[in-house]
Amino acid sequence: MLEIKDLLARFSIILSGEEGKKDVVRKVISETIGVDINSKDIKIKNGTIYLNIKPIYKNEILLKQEKILLKLEESFGKRSPTAIL
């Protein structure tokens, strides 16, 4: 069962705008693969996350893409990104 604080956190992320979304993506990627990415290297457009990072990090992210997208879906709800490029 979801608590009210979890629901409010989802709404705050949705309402916070582009920078808030980038921060959530950074946090999830950092937790999943242990690499810190700069916000300026992340672009979200039409439900796709574009990363401007070194290929070795991008490969690691793509290997764990499903896990990352599941965590993002928990944070964003129905408006979560569907792909990482």
C-alpha atoms as a PDB file:
ATOM      1  CA  MET A   1       0.000   0.000   0.000  1.00  0.00           C
ATOM      2  CA  LEU A   2       1.294   3.432  -0.916  1.00  0.00           C
ATOM      3  CA  GLU A   3       1.641   6.083   1.704  1.00  0.00           C
ATOM      4  CA  ILE A   4       0.565   9.662   1.193  1.00  0.00           C
ATOM      5  CA  LYS A   5       4.168  10.874   1.254  1.00  0.00           C
ATOM      6  CA  ASP A   6       4.967   8.577  -1.701  1.00  0.00           C
ATOM      7  CA  LEU A   7       2.084   9.985  -3.713  1.00  0.00           C
ATOM      8  CA  LEU A   8       3.051  13.545  -2.868  1.00  0.00           C
ATOM      9  CA  ALA A   9       6.638  12.839  -3.902  1.00  0.00           C
ATOM     10  CA  ARG A  10       5.411  11.653  -7.293  1.00  0.00           C
ATOM     11  CA  PHE A  11       3.352  14.806  -7.790  1.00  0.00           C
ATOM     12  CA  SER A  12       6.219  17.048  -6.761  1.00  0.00           C
ATOM     13  CA  ILE A  13       8.464  15.389  -9.348  1.00  0.00           C
ATOM     14  CA  ILE A  14       5.861  15.823 -12.060  1.00  0.00           C
ATOM     15  CA  LEU A  15       5.300  19.462 -11.185  1.00  0.00           C
ATOM     16  CA  SER A  16       8.956  20.348 -10.662  1.00  0.00           C
ATOM     17  CA  GLY A  17       9.712  20.517 -14.372  1.00  0.00           C
ATOM     18  CA  GLU A  18      12.618  19.477 -16.532  1.00  0.00           C
ATOM     19  CA  GLU A  19      15.384  20.000 -13.956  1.00  0.00           C
ATOM     20  CA  GLY A  20      13.535  17.896 -11.399  1.00  0.00           C
ATOM     21  CA  LYS A  21      13.177  15.078 -13.899  1.00  0.00           C
ATOM     22  CA  LYS A  22      16.863  15.244 -14.753  1.00  0.00           C
ATOM     23  CA  ASP A  23      17.757  15.058 -11.058  1.00  0.00           C
ATOM     24  CA  VAL A  24      15.606  11.956 -10.600  1.00  0.00           C
ATOM     25  CA  VAL A  25      17.212  10.311 -13.653  1.00  0.00           C
ATOM     26  CA  ARG A  26      20.682  11.169 -12.296  1.00  0.00           C
ATOM     27  CA  LYS A  27      19.817   9.717  -8.905  1.00  0.00           C
ATOM     28  CA  VAL A  28      18.398   6.469 -10.317  1.00  0.00           C
ATOM     29  CA  ILE A  29      21.376   5.930 -12.641  1.00  0.00           C
ATOM     30  CA  SER A  30      23.796   6.683  -9.826  1.00  0.00           C
ATOM     31  CA  GLU A  31      22.066   4.190  -7.527  1.00  0.00           C
ATOM     32  CA  THR A  32      21.922   1.505 -10.212  1.00  0.00           C
ATOM     33  CA  ILE A  33      25.405   1.598 -11.730  1.00  0.00           C
ATOM     34  CA  GLY A  34      27.366   3.842  -9.374  1.00  0.00           C
ATOM     35  CA  VAL A  35      28.262   6.526 -11.930  1.00  0.00           C
ATOM     36  CA  ASP A  36      27.450  10.171 -11.292  1.00  0.00           C
ATOM     37  CA  ILE A  37      26.229  11.998 -14.407  1.00  0.00           C
ATOM     38  CA  ASN A  38      26.036  15.760 -14.820  1.00  0.00           C
ATOM     39  CA  SER A  39      22.535  17.206 -15.373  1.00  0.00           C
ATOM     40  CA  LYS A  40      23.669  19.036 -18.498  1.00  0.00           C
ATOM     41  CA  ASP A  41      24.502  15.647 -20.093  1.00  0.00           C
ATOM     42  CA  ILE A  42      20.878  14.467 -19.789  1.00  0.00           C
ATOM     43  CA  LYS A  43      18.102  15.430 -22.179  1.00  0.00           C
ATOM     44  CA  ILE A  44      14.524  14.134 -21.969  1.00  0.00           C
ATOM     45  CA  LYS A  45      12.412  14.428 -25.097  1.00  0.00           C
ATOM     46  CA  ASN A  46       9.229  12.583 -26.113  1.00  0.00           C
ATOM     47  CA  GLY A  47       9.597   9.928 -23.420  1.00  0.00           C
ATOM     48  CA  THR A  48      13.205   9.141 -24.301  1.00  0.00           C
ATOM     49  CA  ILE A  49      16.278   9.893 -22.218  1.00  0.00           C
ATOM     50  CA  TYR A  50      19.299  10.994 -24.246  1.00  0.00           C
ATOM     51  CA  LEU A  51      22.682  10.765 -22.532  1.00  0.00           C
ATOM     52  CA  ASN A  52      25.812  12.572 -23.674  1.00  0.00           C
ATOM     53  CA  ILE A  53      28.359  10.496 -21.749  1.00  0.00           C
ATOM     54  CA  LYS A  54      31.324   8.204 -22.384  1.00  0.00           C
ATOM     55  CA  PRO A  55      30.444   5.027 -24.311  1.00  0.00           C
ATOM     56  CA  ILE A  56      31.650   2.724 -21.527  1.00  0.00           C
ATOM     57  CA  TYR A  57      29.137   4.274 -19.091  1.00  0.00           C
ATOM     58  CA  LYS A  58      26.391   4.272 -21.695  1.00  0.00           C
ATOM     59  CA  ASN A  59      26.939   0.543 -22.321  1.00  0.00           C
ATOM     60  CA  GLU A  60      26.613  -0.190 -18.615  1.00  0.00           C
ATOM     61  CA  ILE A  61      23.406   1.848 -18.483  1.00  0.00           C
ATOM     62  CA  LEU A  62      21.986   0.064 -21.522  1.00  0.00           C
ATOM     63  CA  LEU A  63      22.769  -3.311 -19.940  1.00  0.00           C
ATOM     64  CA  LYS A  64      20.739  -2.325 -16.886  1.00  0.00           C
ATOM     65  CA  GLN A  65      18.159  -0.293 -18.829  1.00  0.00           C
ATOM     66  CA  GLU A  66      15.185  -2.399 -17.738  1.00  0.00           C
ATOM     67  CA  LYS A  67      16.009  -1.992 -14.052  1.00  0.00           C
ATOM     68  CA  ILE A  68      16.547   1.762 -14.469  1.00  0.00           C
ATOM     69  CA  LEU A  69      13.262   2.210 -16.334  1.00  0.00           C
ATOM     70  CA  LEU A  70      11.373   0.288 -13.640  1.00  0.00           C
ATOM     71  CA  LYS A  71      12.779   2.570 -10.946  1.00  0.00           C
ATOM     72  CA  LEU A  72      11.902   5.628 -13.036  1.00  0.00           C
ATOM     73  CA  GLU A  73       8.365   4.333 -13.470  1.00  0.00           C
ATOM     74  CA  GLU A  74       8.034   4.143  -9.685  1.00  0.00           C
ATOM     75  CA  SER A  75       9.083   7.795  -9.446  1.00  0.00           C
ATOM     76  CA  PHE A  76       7.287   9.297 -12.445  1.00  0.00           C
ATOM     77  CA  GLY A  77       4.240   7.063 -12.685  1.00  0.00           C
ATOM     78  CA  LYS A  78       2.559   6.845 -16.092  1.00  0.00           C
ATOM     79  CA  ARG A  79       4.661   9.657 -17.571  1.00  0.00           C
ATOM     80  CA  SER A  80       7.946   7.855 -17.104  1.00  0.00           C
ATOM     81  CA  PRO A  81      10.481   7.673 -19.945  1.00  0.00           C
ATOM     82  CA  THR A  82      10.277   4.525 -22.052  1.00  0.00           C
ATOM     83  CA  ALA A  83      13.783   4.376 -23.554  1.00  0.00           C
ATOM     84  CA  ILE A  84      17.379   5.401 -22.921  1.00  0.00           C
ATOM     85  CA  LEU A  85      19.700   6.385 -25.776  1.00  0.00           C
END
